[in-house]
Amino acid sequence: MPDYQQLVSQLQQLPEQMLQEQLDADALRIKYLGKNGLFNEFSQALKTLPNEQKRNFGKILNQVKTQLE
């Protein structure tokens, strides 16, 4: 399991990665926001973080999701 800083860094890179992909809109949505998508992996990682880090990570998670949508 990556540490907190790695998770935050990887999460914040998702919007840029999505822009660089050469896929159509539906494929991008599925890859990044789908049930088994990359964003969901970060949502699952939230459960494993200590309580003091969950709040900040949750805020970042919501910001990134807004950017991806």
N, C-alpha and C. Protein backbone atom coordinates (compact mmCIF):
# COMPACT_ATOMS: atom_id res chain seq x y z
N MET A 1 0.85 -1.19 0.00
CA MET A 1 0.00 0.00 0.00
C MET A 1 0.88 1.24 0.00
N PRO A 2 0.71 2.13 -0.98
CA PRO A 2 1.51 3.35 -1.01
C PRO A 2 1.22 4.22 0.22
N ASP A 3 2.19 5.03 0.58
CA ASP A 3 1.95 5.91 1.72
C ASP A 3 1.05 7.08 1.30
N TYR A 4 0.65 7.84 2.29
CA TYR A 4 -0.31 8.92 2.09
C TYR A 4 0.15 9.92 1.02
N GLN A 5 1.40 10.35 1.09
CA GLN A 5 1.89 11.35 0.14
C GLN A 5 1.87 10.81 -1.29
N GLN A 6 2.20 9.53 -1.46
CA GLN A 6 2.16 8.93 -2.79
C GLN A 6 0.72 8.88 -3.31
N LEU A 7 -0.21 8.51 -2.45
CA LEU A 7 -1.62 8.47 -2.85
C LEU A 7 -2.11 9.84 -3.30
N VAL A 8 -1.78 10.87 -2.51
CA VAL A 8 -2.20 12.23 -2.86
C VAL A 8 -1.59 12.65 -4.20
N SER A 9 -0.32 12.38 -4.37
CA SER A 9 0.37 12.75 -5.61
C SER A 9 -0.25 12.03 -6.82
N GLN A 10 -0.48 10.74 -6.69
CA GLN A 10 -1.07 9.98 -7.79
C GLN A 10 -2.50 10.45 -8.08
N LEU A 11 -3.24 10.73 -7.04
CA LEU A 11 -4.62 11.20 -7.21
C LEU A 11 -4.65 12.53 -7.94
N GLN A 12 -3.77 13.43 -7.57
CA GLN A 12 -3.76 14.76 -8.18
C GLN A 12 -3.29 14.72 -9.64
N GLN A 13 -2.65 13.65 -10.04
CA GLN A 13 -2.19 13.51 -11.42
C GLN A 13 -3.27 12.93 -12.35
N LEU A 14 -4.34 12.40 -11.79
CA LEU A 14 -5.39 11.78 -12.61
C LEU A 14 -5.97 12.69 -13.68
N PRO A 15 -6.34 13.95 -13.36
CA PRO A 15 -6.92 14.79 -14.42
C PRO A 15 -5.95 14.99 -15.60
N GLU A 16 -4.68 15.17 -15.31
CA GLU A 16 -3.69 15.35 -16.38
C GLU A 16 -3.55 14.07 -17.21
N GLN A 17 -3.53 12.92 -16.52
CA GLN A 17 -3.45 11.65 -17.24
C GLN A 17 -4.65 11.47 -18.15
N MET A 18 -5.80 11.84 -17.65
CA MET A 18 -7.03 11.69 -18.43
C MET A 18 -6.97 12.54 -19.70
N LEU A 19 -6.44 13.74 -19.59
CA LEU A 19 -6.34 14.63 -20.75
C LEU A 19 -5.37 14.09 -21.80
N GLN A 20 -4.37 13.34 -21.37
CA GLN A 20 -3.36 12.82 -22.29
C GLN A 20 -3.80 11.53 -22.98
N GLU A 21 -4.84 10.90 -22.48
CA GLU A 21 -5.34 9.65 -23.07
C GLU A 21 -5.93 9.92 -24.45
N GLN A 22 -5.76 8.99 -25.33
CA GLN A 22 -6.28 9.10 -26.69
C GLN A 22 -7.50 8.19 -26.86
N LEU A 23 -8.43 8.25 -25.92
CA LEU A 23 -9.63 7.43 -25.96
C LEU A 23 -10.85 8.31 -26.14
N ASP A 24 -11.96 7.70 -26.59
CA ASP A 24 -13.18 8.47 -26.71
C ASP A 24 -13.76 8.75 -25.32
N ALA A 25 -14.76 9.59 -25.26
CA ALA A 25 -15.30 10.05 -23.97
C ALA A 25 -15.83 8.90 -23.12
N ASP A 26 -16.54 7.96 -23.72
CA ASP A 26 -17.08 6.84 -22.94
C ASP A 26 -15.97 5.97 -22.36
N ALA A 27 -14.96 5.71 -23.15
CA ALA A 27 -13.85 4.88 -22.68
C ALA A 27 -13.11 5.58 -21.53
N LEU A 28 -12.95 6.88 -21.64
CA LEU A 28 -12.30 7.64 -20.56
C LEU A 28 -13.13 7.60 -19.29
N ARG A 29 -14.43 7.78 -19.43
CA ARG A 29 -15.32 7.76 -18.27
C ARG A 29 -15.25 6.40 -17.58
N ILE A 30 -15.27 5.35 -18.34
CA ILE A 30 -15.21 4.00 -17.76
C ILE A 30 -13.86 3.77 -17.08
N LYS A 31 -12.78 4.14 -17.76
CA LYS A 31 -11.44 3.90 -17.21
C LYS A 31 -11.20 4.67 -15.91
N TYR A 32 -11.68 5.91 -15.86
CA TYR A 32 -11.39 6.75 -14.70
C TYR A 32 -12.50 6.78 -13.66
N LEU A 33 -13.75 6.77 -14.09
CA LEU A 33 -14.86 6.94 -13.15
C LEU A 33 -15.75 5.72 -13.01
N GLY A 34 -15.48 4.67 -13.77
CA GLY A 34 -16.30 3.47 -13.72
C GLY A 34 -16.17 2.72 -12.40
N LYS A 35 -17.01 1.71 -12.24
CA LYS A 35 -17.04 0.92 -11.01
C LYS A 35 -15.66 0.36 -10.66
N ASN A 36 -14.93 -0.09 -11.65
CA ASN A 36 -13.59 -0.63 -11.43
C ASN A 36 -12.51 0.33 -11.92
N GLY A 37 -12.85 1.61 -12.01
CA GLY A 37 -11.94 2.61 -12.54
C GLY A 37 -10.88 3.06 -11.55
N LEU A 38 -9.97 3.86 -12.06
CA LEU A 38 -8.85 4.35 -11.26
C LEU A 38 -9.32 5.20 -10.08
N PHE A 39 -10.33 6.03 -10.30
CA PHE A 39 -10.81 6.88 -9.21
C PHE A 39 -11.36 6.03 -8.06
N ASN A 40 -12.05 4.97 -8.39
CA ASN A 40 -12.63 4.10 -7.37
C ASN A 40 -11.53 3.43 -6.53
N GLU A 41 -10.39 3.16 -7.14
CA GLU A 41 -9.27 2.58 -6.39
C GLU A 41 -8.83 3.55 -5.28
N PHE A 42 -8.81 4.83 -5.59
CA PHE A 42 -8.44 5.82 -4.58
C PHE A 42 -9.53 5.94 -3.51
N SER A 43 -10.77 5.80 -3.91
CA SER A 43 -11.86 5.82 -2.94
C SER A 43 -11.72 4.65 -1.96
N GLN A 44 -11.32 3.51 -2.46
CA GLN A 44 -11.11 2.35 -1.60
C GLN A 44 -9.92 2.57 -0.67
N ALA A 45 -8.89 3.25 -1.15
CA ALA A 45 -7.70 3.51 -0.34
C ALA A 45 -8.05 4.41 0.85
N LEU A 46 -9.06 5.24 0.70
CA LEU A 46 -9.49 6.14 1.78
C LEU A 46 -9.81 5.34 3.04
N LYS A 47 -10.38 4.17 2.88
CA LYS A 47 -10.75 3.34 4.02
C LYS A 47 -9.55 2.88 4.84
N THR A 48 -8.40 2.80 4.22
CA THR A 48 -7.22 2.28 4.89
C THR A 48 -6.39 3.35 5.60
N LEU A 49 -6.73 4.60 5.38
CA LEU A 49 -5.94 5.69 5.96
C LEU A 49 -6.32 5.93 7.41
N PRO A 50 -5.38 6.44 8.19
CA PRO A 50 -5.70 6.84 9.57
C PRO A 50 -6.72 7.98 9.55
N ASN A 51 -7.50 8.09 10.59
CA ASN A 51 -8.58 9.08 10.66
C ASN A 51 -8.11 10.51 10.38
N GLU A 52 -6.94 10.89 10.90
CA GLU A 52 -6.49 12.27 10.72
C GLU A 52 -6.16 12.58 9.25
N GLN A 53 -5.87 11.56 8.45
CA GLN A 53 -5.57 11.78 7.04
C GLN A 53 -6.80 11.63 6.15
N LYS A 54 -7.80 10.94 6.63
CA LYS A 54 -9.01 10.70 5.83
C LYS A 54 -9.70 12.00 5.42
N ARG A 55 -9.79 12.94 6.33
CA ARG A 55 -10.50 14.19 6.06
C ARG A 55 -9.86 14.95 4.90
N ASN A 56 -8.55 15.13 4.95
CA ASN A 56 -7.85 15.85 3.90
C ASN A 56 -7.89 15.08 2.58
N PHE A 57 -7.66 13.78 2.64
CA PHE A 57 -7.68 12.97 1.44
C PHE A 57 -9.07 12.99 0.80
N GLY A 58 -10.10 12.96 1.63
CA GLY A 58 -11.47 13.04 1.13
C GLY A 58 -11.74 14.33 0.38
N LYS A 59 -11.23 15.44 0.88
CA LYS A 59 -11.39 16.73 0.20
C LYS A 59 -10.71 16.71 -1.16
N ILE A 60 -9.49 16.19 -1.18
CA ILE A 60 -8.74 16.11 -2.44
C ILE A 60 -9.47 15.18 -3.41
N LEU A 61 -9.96 14.08 -2.90
CA LEU A 61 -10.71 13.11 -3.70
C LEU A 61 -11.90 13.78 -4.37
N ASN A 62 -12.66 14.56 -3.62
CA ASN A 62 -13.82 15.26 -4.17
C ASN A 62 -13.43 16.30 -5.22
N GLN A 63 -12.33 17.02 -4.98
CA GLN A 63 -11.87 18.02 -5.93
C GLN A 63 -11.47 17.36 -7.26
N VAL A 64 -10.75 16.25 -7.15
CA VAL A 64 -10.30 15.56 -8.35
C VAL A 64 -11.50 14.98 -9.11
N LYS A 65 -12.45 14.43 -8.40
CA LYS A 65 -13.64 13.87 -9.07
C LYS A 65 -14.36 14.96 -9.84
N THR A 66 -14.48 16.14 -9.26
CA THR A 66 -15.11 17.26 -9.94
C THR A 66 -14.34 17.60 -11.22
N GLN A 67 -13.02 17.58 -11.17
CA GLN A 67 -12.20 17.86 -12.35
C GLN A 67 -12.39 16.79 -13.42
N LEU A 68 -12.49 15.55 -12.99
CA LEU A 68 -12.63 14.45 -13.94
C LEU A 68 -13.97 14.44 -14.65
N GLU A 69 -15.00 14.87 -13.92
CA GLU A 69 -16.35 14.86 -14.51
C GLU A 69 -16.48 15.99 -15.49
